[in-house]
């Protein structure tokens, strides 16, 4: 039996905004509506963002991380989260 897809997807593109990620993700996860997933693409951050995203995804299976090994720019990150 296939698992049902969430009602909607929240897409986040991140590049070196690690200082804001905990508050951003906490706000999303505090919502009373819970049938969603968070697809977040890290665009090769060098500020520890990837570790923050990885820890958050371990704590909540709705967070689906993707990591670029180097900065590819906003367009590439945006296209990645919408695939």
N, C-alpha and C. Protein backbone atom coordinates (compact mmCIF):
# COMPACT_ATOMS: atom_id res chain seq x y z
N UNK A 1 0.83 -1.17 0.00
CA UNK A 1 0.00 0.00 0.00
C UNK A 1 0.88 1.25 0.00
N UNK A 2 0.62 2.15 -0.92
CA UNK A 2 1.39 3.38 -1.02
C UNK A 2 0.98 4.36 0.08
N UNK A 3 1.94 5.13 0.55
CA UNK A 3 1.62 6.13 1.56
C UNK A 3 1.00 7.35 0.88
N UNK A 4 0.08 7.96 1.55
CA UNK A 4 -0.60 9.14 1.00
C UNK A 4 0.35 10.33 1.01
N UNK A 5 0.27 11.11 -0.04
CA UNK A 5 1.07 12.34 -0.10
C UNK A 5 0.45 13.37 0.81
N UNK A 6 1.27 14.24 1.38
CA UNK A 6 0.72 15.30 2.23
C UNK A 6 -0.16 16.24 1.42
N UNK A 7 -1.01 16.96 2.11
CA UNK A 7 -1.92 17.90 1.46
C UNK A 7 -1.16 18.97 0.68
N UNK A 8 -0.09 19.47 1.25
CA UNK A 8 0.73 20.45 0.52
C UNK A 8 2.18 20.39 0.95
N UNK A 9 3.01 21.06 0.15
CA UNK A 9 4.45 21.10 0.37
C UNK A 9 4.89 22.54 0.59
N UNK A 10 5.69 22.74 1.62
CA UNK A 10 6.34 24.03 1.86
C UNK A 10 7.74 23.92 1.29
N UNK A 11 8.11 24.83 0.42
CA UNK A 11 9.42 24.78 -0.22
C UNK A 11 10.30 25.90 0.32
N UNK A 12 11.52 25.53 0.73
CA UNK A 12 12.47 26.51 1.25
C UNK A 12 13.80 26.34 0.53
N UNK A 13 14.32 27.45 0.05
CA UNK A 13 15.68 27.49 -0.51
C UNK A 13 16.54 28.24 0.51
N UNK A 14 17.69 27.68 0.82
CA UNK A 14 18.54 28.29 1.84
C UNK A 14 19.98 28.40 1.34
N UNK A 15 20.57 29.55 1.61
CA UNK A 15 22.01 29.73 1.40
C UNK A 15 22.55 30.63 2.51
N UNK A 16 23.29 30.02 3.42
CA UNK A 16 23.94 30.74 4.52
C UNK A 16 22.96 31.55 5.38
N UNK A 17 21.81 30.99 5.66
CA UNK A 17 20.86 31.63 6.57
C UNK A 17 20.63 30.76 7.81
N UNK A 18 21.68 30.07 8.22
CA UNK A 18 21.59 29.17 9.37
C UNK A 18 21.08 29.84 10.63
N UNK A 19 21.41 31.12 10.81
CA UNK A 19 20.98 31.80 12.02
C UNK A 19 19.46 31.95 12.09
N UNK A 20 18.78 31.87 10.95
CA UNK A 20 17.33 32.02 10.91
C UNK A 20 16.59 30.69 10.81
N UNK A 21 17.28 29.62 10.42
CA UNK A 21 16.61 28.34 10.19
C UNK A 21 15.89 27.77 11.41
N UNK A 22 16.49 27.75 12.60
CA UNK A 22 15.76 27.17 13.73
C UNK A 22 14.41 27.85 13.99
N UNK A 23 14.39 29.16 13.96
CA UNK A 23 13.15 29.90 14.19
C UNK A 23 12.16 29.68 13.05
N UNK A 24 12.66 29.68 11.83
CA UNK A 24 11.81 29.45 10.66
C UNK A 24 11.14 28.08 10.73
N UNK A 25 11.94 27.04 10.94
CA UNK A 25 11.40 25.69 10.98
C UNK A 25 10.50 25.48 12.19
N UNK A 26 10.86 26.05 13.33
CA UNK A 26 10.02 25.92 14.52
C UNK A 26 8.64 26.54 14.28
N UNK A 27 8.62 27.69 13.62
CA UNK A 27 7.34 28.34 13.32
C UNK A 27 6.47 27.50 12.40
N UNK A 28 7.08 26.90 11.41
CA UNK A 28 6.33 26.04 10.49
C UNK A 28 5.80 24.81 11.23
N UNK A 29 6.63 24.19 12.04
CA UNK A 29 6.24 22.96 12.71
C UNK A 29 5.25 23.19 13.86
N UNK A 30 5.08 24.43 14.30
CA UNK A 30 4.12 24.75 15.37
C UNK A 30 2.69 24.87 14.86
N UNK A 31 2.50 24.84 13.57
CA UNK A 31 1.16 25.01 13.02
C UNK A 31 0.22 23.92 13.51
N UNK A 32 -1.04 24.26 13.66
CA UNK A 32 -2.02 23.26 14.10
C UNK A 32 -2.38 22.31 12.96
N UNK A 33 -2.31 22.76 11.73
CA UNK A 33 -2.50 21.89 10.58
C UNK A 33 -1.18 21.16 10.36
N UNK A 34 -1.21 19.85 10.27
CA UNK A 34 0.05 19.09 10.23
C UNK A 34 0.25 18.24 8.98
N UNK A 35 -0.70 18.26 8.05
CA UNK A 35 -0.59 17.39 6.87
C UNK A 35 0.19 18.10 5.76
N UNK A 36 1.47 18.29 5.99
CA UNK A 36 2.35 18.95 5.02
C UNK A 36 3.74 18.35 5.13
N UNK A 37 4.55 18.65 4.12
CA UNK A 37 5.97 18.33 4.16
C UNK A 37 6.74 19.61 3.91
N UNK A 38 7.98 19.65 4.37
CA UNK A 38 8.86 20.79 4.16
C UNK A 38 10.04 20.29 3.33
N UNK A 39 10.11 20.72 2.08
CA UNK A 39 11.23 20.37 1.22
C UNK A 39 12.19 21.55 1.25
N UNK A 40 13.38 21.30 1.75
CA UNK A 40 14.36 22.39 1.88
C UNK A 40 15.64 22.03 1.14
N UNK A 41 16.04 22.92 0.25
CA UNK A 41 17.28 22.74 -0.49
C UNK A 41 18.31 23.72 0.05
N UNK A 42 19.42 23.18 0.51
CA UNK A 42 20.52 24.03 0.94
C UNK A 42 21.47 24.18 -0.24
N UNK A 43 21.73 25.40 -0.62
CA UNK A 43 22.50 25.73 -1.82
C UNK A 43 23.99 25.87 -1.53
N UNK A 44 24.57 24.85 -0.89
CA UNK A 44 26.00 24.86 -0.65
C UNK A 44 26.45 25.80 0.45
N UNK A 45 25.63 25.97 1.48
CA UNK A 45 25.96 26.88 2.58
C UNK A 45 27.28 26.51 3.24
N UNK A 46 27.94 27.52 3.79
CA UNK A 46 29.20 27.33 4.50
C UNK A 46 29.11 27.79 5.96
N UNK A 47 27.88 28.01 6.45
CA UNK A 47 27.68 28.57 7.78
C UNK A 47 27.09 27.59 8.79
N UNK A 48 27.08 26.30 8.47
CA UNK A 48 26.50 25.32 9.37
C UNK A 48 25.03 25.04 9.11
N UNK A 49 24.47 25.64 8.09
CA UNK A 49 23.06 25.42 7.76
C UNK A 49 22.74 23.95 7.53
N UNK A 50 23.64 23.25 6.85
CA UNK A 50 23.35 21.85 6.54
C UNK A 50 23.21 21.01 7.80
N UNK A 51 23.99 21.28 8.81
CA UNK A 51 23.89 20.56 10.07
C UNK A 51 22.57 20.87 10.78
N UNK A 52 22.14 22.12 10.71
CA UNK A 52 20.87 22.52 11.31
C UNK A 52 19.71 21.82 10.62
N UNK A 53 19.77 21.79 9.29
CA UNK A 53 18.72 21.13 8.51
C UNK A 53 18.71 19.63 8.79
N UNK A 54 19.87 19.03 8.84
CA UNK A 54 19.95 17.58 9.11
C UNK A 54 19.37 17.25 10.48
N UNK A 55 19.70 18.04 11.49
CA UNK A 55 19.17 17.80 12.84
C UNK A 55 17.65 17.94 12.85
N UNK A 56 17.15 18.95 12.17
CA UNK A 56 15.69 19.16 12.12
C UNK A 56 15.00 18.00 11.42
N UNK A 57 15.61 17.49 10.35
CA UNK A 57 14.98 16.39 9.61
C UNK A 57 15.01 15.09 10.42
N UNK A 58 16.02 14.93 11.26
CA UNK A 58 16.05 13.76 12.15
C UNK A 58 14.94 13.84 13.20
N UNK A 59 14.59 15.06 13.57
CA UNK A 59 13.57 15.28 14.58
C UNK A 59 12.14 15.27 14.06
N UNK A 60 11.97 15.45 12.75
CA UNK A 60 10.62 15.48 12.17
C UNK A 60 10.68 14.95 10.75
N UNK A 61 10.00 13.85 10.51
CA UNK A 61 10.07 13.19 9.20
C UNK A 61 9.40 13.98 8.09
N UNK A 62 8.68 15.04 8.42
CA UNK A 62 8.07 15.88 7.37
C UNK A 62 9.09 16.76 6.68
N UNK A 63 10.27 16.93 7.30
CA UNK A 63 11.32 17.75 6.70
C UNK A 63 12.15 16.88 5.77
N UNK A 64 12.17 17.26 4.48
CA UNK A 64 12.87 16.51 3.45
C UNK A 64 14.04 17.36 2.93
N UNK A 65 15.26 17.09 3.41
CA UNK A 65 16.40 17.93 3.02
C UNK A 65 17.03 17.50 1.70
N UNK A 66 17.54 18.47 0.99
CA UNK A 66 18.37 18.27 -0.20
C UNK A 66 19.56 19.20 -0.05
N UNK A 67 20.72 18.72 -0.42
CA UNK A 67 21.94 19.52 -0.23
C UNK A 67 22.71 19.62 -1.54
N UNK A 68 23.08 20.83 -1.92
CA UNK A 68 24.00 21.04 -3.02
C UNK A 68 25.41 21.11 -2.41
N UNK A 69 26.39 20.53 -3.10
CA UNK A 69 27.76 20.56 -2.59
C UNK A 69 28.42 21.91 -2.77
N UNK A 70 27.90 22.72 -3.68
CA UNK A 70 28.41 24.09 -3.87
C UNK A 70 27.24 24.98 -4.26
N UNK A 71 27.43 26.28 -4.12
CA UNK A 71 26.38 27.23 -4.44
C UNK A 71 26.10 27.21 -5.93
N UNK A 72 24.84 26.94 -6.28
CA UNK A 72 24.43 26.93 -7.69
C UNK A 72 23.49 28.08 -8.02
N UNK A 73 23.08 28.81 -7.03
CA UNK A 73 22.21 29.96 -7.27
C UNK A 73 20.74 29.66 -6.98
N UNK A 74 19.99 30.74 -6.85
CA UNK A 74 18.58 30.64 -6.47
C UNK A 74 17.74 29.87 -7.49
N UNK A 75 18.00 30.05 -8.75
CA UNK A 75 17.19 29.34 -9.76
C UNK A 75 17.34 27.84 -9.63
N UNK A 76 18.57 27.36 -9.48
CA UNK A 76 18.82 25.92 -9.36
C UNK A 76 18.17 25.38 -8.09
N UNK A 77 18.30 26.10 -6.99
CA UNK A 77 17.70 25.67 -5.73
C UNK A 77 16.19 25.66 -5.83
N UNK A 78 15.62 26.67 -6.47
CA UNK A 78 14.16 26.74 -6.64
C UNK A 78 13.65 25.60 -7.51
N UNK A 79 14.37 25.31 -8.56
CA UNK A 79 13.96 24.20 -9.43
C UNK A 79 14.09 22.86 -8.70
N UNK A 80 15.09 22.72 -7.86
CA UNK A 80 15.29 21.48 -7.13
C UNK A 80 14.14 21.20 -6.16
N UNK A 81 13.67 22.21 -5.42
CA UNK A 81 12.63 21.97 -4.46
C UNK A 81 11.28 21.70 -5.12
N UNK A 82 11.12 22.12 -6.36
CA UNK A 82 9.83 21.90 -7.02
C UNK A 82 9.80 20.63 -7.86
N UNK A 83 10.87 19.84 -7.84
CA UNK A 83 10.89 18.58 -8.60
C UNK A 83 10.25 17.48 -7.80
